[in-house]
Amino acid sequence: MAETTTTVGECGVPLARLGIALIVALVGFLVAVMGFVVDNAPMILVGMLVGGSGSVAVNWLANAVTDGAGEAVDSLNPGAGQP
């Protein structure tokens, strides 16, 4: 049976942290859209701030997983580079 893991790759980024950051980013942008719908400027501002900070967190975590090179670390892709 396959092993279950709670971290991503060698960097040890917890899956829960990545998932929560993604949810925060999406909910923040949803609040901003709702602010446009109800014509509420503070709601737009807060939604964009929360969505932007969540997006930055997702980007940092994604760079940690891929080592910033755009390719997955070796433990995530063990067959890469082999013929």
C-alpha atoms as a PDB file:
ATOM      1  CA  MET A   1       0.000   0.000   0.000  1.00  0.00           C
ATOM      2  CA  ALA A   2       1.291   3.469  -0.852  1.00  0.00           C
ATOM      3  CA  GLU A   3       2.567   5.667   1.917  1.00  0.00           C
ATOM      4  CA  THR A   4       0.522   8.712   2.766  1.00  0.00           C
ATOM      5  CA  THR A   5       2.398  11.925   3.291  1.00  0.00           C
ATOM      6  CA  THR A   6       1.519  15.211   4.930  1.00  0.00           C
ATOM      7  CA  THR A   7       4.401  17.194   3.441  1.00  0.00           C
ATOM      8  CA  VAL A   8       5.419  18.117  -0.071  1.00  0.00           C
ATOM      9  CA  GLY A   9       8.908  17.146  -1.153  1.00  0.00           C
ATOM     10  CA  GLU A  10      12.224  17.578   0.582  1.00  0.00           C
ATOM     11  CA  CYS A  11      11.390  21.103   1.725  1.00  0.00           C
ATOM     12  CA  GLY A  12       8.761  19.785   4.158  1.00  0.00           C
ATOM     13  CA  VAL A  13       5.958  22.181   3.211  1.00  0.00           C
ATOM     14  CA  PRO A  14       2.808  20.859   4.907  1.00  0.00           C
ATOM     15  CA  LEU A  15      -0.060  20.166   2.514  1.00  0.00           C
ATOM     16  CA  ALA A  16      -2.482  21.809   4.939  1.00  0.00           C
ATOM     17  CA  ARG A  17      -0.539  25.083   4.831  1.00  0.00           C
ATOM     18  CA  LEU A  18      -0.586  25.098   1.034  1.00  0.00           C
ATOM     19  CA  GLY A  19      -4.292  24.278   0.945  1.00  0.00           C
ATOM     20  CA  ILE A  20      -5.216  26.939   3.491  1.00  0.00           C
ATOM     21  CA  ALA A  21      -3.214  29.589   1.627  1.00  0.00           C
ATOM     22  CA  LEU A  22      -5.024  28.689  -1.598  1.00  0.00           C
ATOM     23  CA  ILE A  23      -8.416  28.861   0.113  1.00  0.00           C
ATOM     24  CA  VAL A  24      -7.558  32.252   1.660  1.00  0.00           C
ATOM     25  CA  ALA A  25      -6.551  33.618  -1.751  1.00  0.00           C
ATOM     26  CA  LEU A  26      -9.740  32.407  -3.426  1.00  0.00           C
ATOM     27  CA  VAL A  27     -12.027  33.619  -0.634  1.00  0.00           C
ATOM     28  CA  GLY A  28     -10.321  37.028  -0.637  1.00  0.00           C
ATOM     29  CA  PHE A  29     -10.904  37.496  -4.337  1.00  0.00           C
ATOM     30  CA  LEU A  30     -14.483  36.259  -3.927  1.00  0.00           C
ATOM     31  CA  VAL A  31     -15.067  38.929  -1.255  1.00  0.00           C
ATOM     32  CA  ALA A  32     -13.673  41.555  -3.655  1.00  0.00           C
ATOM     33  CA  VAL A  33     -16.060  40.415  -6.395  1.00  0.00           C
ATOM     34  CA  MET A  34     -18.951  40.529  -3.949  1.00  0.00           C
ATOM     35  CA  GLY A  35     -17.870  44.072  -3.050  1.00  0.00           C
ATOM     36  CA  PHE A  36     -18.248  45.040  -6.693  1.00  0.00           C
ATOM     37  CA  VAL A  37     -21.675  43.386  -6.834  1.00  0.00           C
ATOM     38  CA  VAL A  38     -23.018  45.219  -3.774  1.00  0.00           C
ATOM     39  CA  ASP A  39     -21.054  48.411  -4.594  1.00  0.00           C
ATOM     40  CA  ASN A  40     -19.144  48.433  -1.299  1.00  0.00           C
ATOM     41  CA  ALA A  41     -15.662  50.003  -1.561  1.00  0.00           C
ATOM     42  CA  PRO A  42     -14.276  48.784   1.809  1.00  0.00           C
ATOM     43  CA  MET A  43     -15.312  45.241   0.942  1.00  0.00           C
ATOM     44  CA  ILE A  44     -13.465  45.503  -2.385  1.00  0.00           C
ATOM     45  CA  LEU A  45     -10.338  46.823  -0.666  1.00  0.00           C
ATOM     46  CA  VAL A  46     -10.305  44.176   2.068  1.00  0.00           C
ATOM     47  CA  GLY A  47     -11.005  41.397  -0.425  1.00  0.00           C
ATOM     48  CA  MET A  48      -8.138  42.473  -2.657  1.00  0.00           C
ATOM     49  CA  LEU A  49      -5.756  42.735   0.311  1.00  0.00           C
ATOM     50  CA  VAL A  50      -6.685  39.274   1.619  1.00  0.00           C
ATOM     51  CA  GLY A  51      -6.667  37.730  -1.856  1.00  0.00           C
ATOM     52  CA  GLY A  52      -3.332  39.304  -2.692  1.00  0.00           C
ATOM     53  CA  SER A  53      -1.679  38.158   0.524  1.00  0.00           C
ATOM     54  CA  GLY A  54      -3.053  34.650   0.015  1.00  0.00           C
ATOM     55  CA  SER A  55      -1.697  34.634  -3.542  1.00  0.00           C
ATOM     56  CA  VAL A  56       1.734  35.700  -2.309  1.00  0.00           C
ATOM     57  CA  ALA A  57       1.679  32.902   0.285  1.00  0.00           C
ATOM     58  CA  VAL A  58       0.724  30.329  -2.371  1.00  0.00           C
ATOM     59  CA  ASN A  59       3.525  31.618  -4.617  1.00  0.00           C
ATOM     60  CA  TRP A  60       6.121  31.359  -1.829  1.00  0.00           C
ATOM     61  CA  LEU A  61       5.028  27.829  -0.975  1.00  0.00           C
ATOM     62  CA  ALA A  62       5.025  26.789  -4.637  1.00  0.00           C
ATOM     63  CA  ASN A  63       8.549  28.163  -5.056  1.00  0.00           C
ATOM     64  CA  ALA A  64       9.638  26.238  -1.970  1.00  0.00           C
ATOM     65  CA  VAL A  65       8.278  23.009  -3.451  1.00  0.00           C
ATOM     66  CA  THR A  66       9.856  23.540  -6.881  1.00  0.00           C
ATOM     67  CA  ASP A  67      13.104  25.091  -5.585  1.00  0.00           C
ATOM     68  CA  GLY A  68      12.242  28.225  -7.552  1.00  0.00           C
ATOM     69  CA  ALA A  69      13.400  26.618 -10.818  1.00  0.00           C
ATOM     70  CA  GLY A  70       9.956  25.650 -12.069  1.00  0.00           C
ATOM     71  CA  GLU A  71      10.788  21.953 -11.846  1.00  0.00           C
ATOM     72  CA  ALA A  72       9.731  19.673  -9.032  1.00  0.00           C
ATOM     73  CA  VAL A  73      12.363  18.612  -6.519  1.00  0.00           C
ATOM     74  CA  ASP A  74      13.879  15.156  -7.025  1.00  0.00           C
ATOM     75  CA  SER A  75      11.833  13.451  -4.348  1.00  0.00           C
ATOM     76  CA  LEU A  76       8.632  14.456  -6.175  1.00  0.00           C
ATOM     77  CA  ASN A  77       9.914  13.361  -9.588  1.00  0.00           C
ATOM     78  CA  PRO A  78      12.517  10.628  -9.016  1.00  0.00           C
ATOM     79  CA  GLY A  79      12.657   9.479 -12.657  1.00  0.00           C
ATOM     80  CA  ALA A  80      13.440  12.910 -14.121  1.00  0.00           C
ATOM     81  CA  GLY A  81      16.635  13.197 -16.090  1.00  0.00           C
ATOM     82  CA  GLN A  82      17.067   9.479 -16.561  1.00  0.00           C
ATOM     83  CA  PRO A  83      16.812   7.976 -20.050  1.00  0.00           C
END
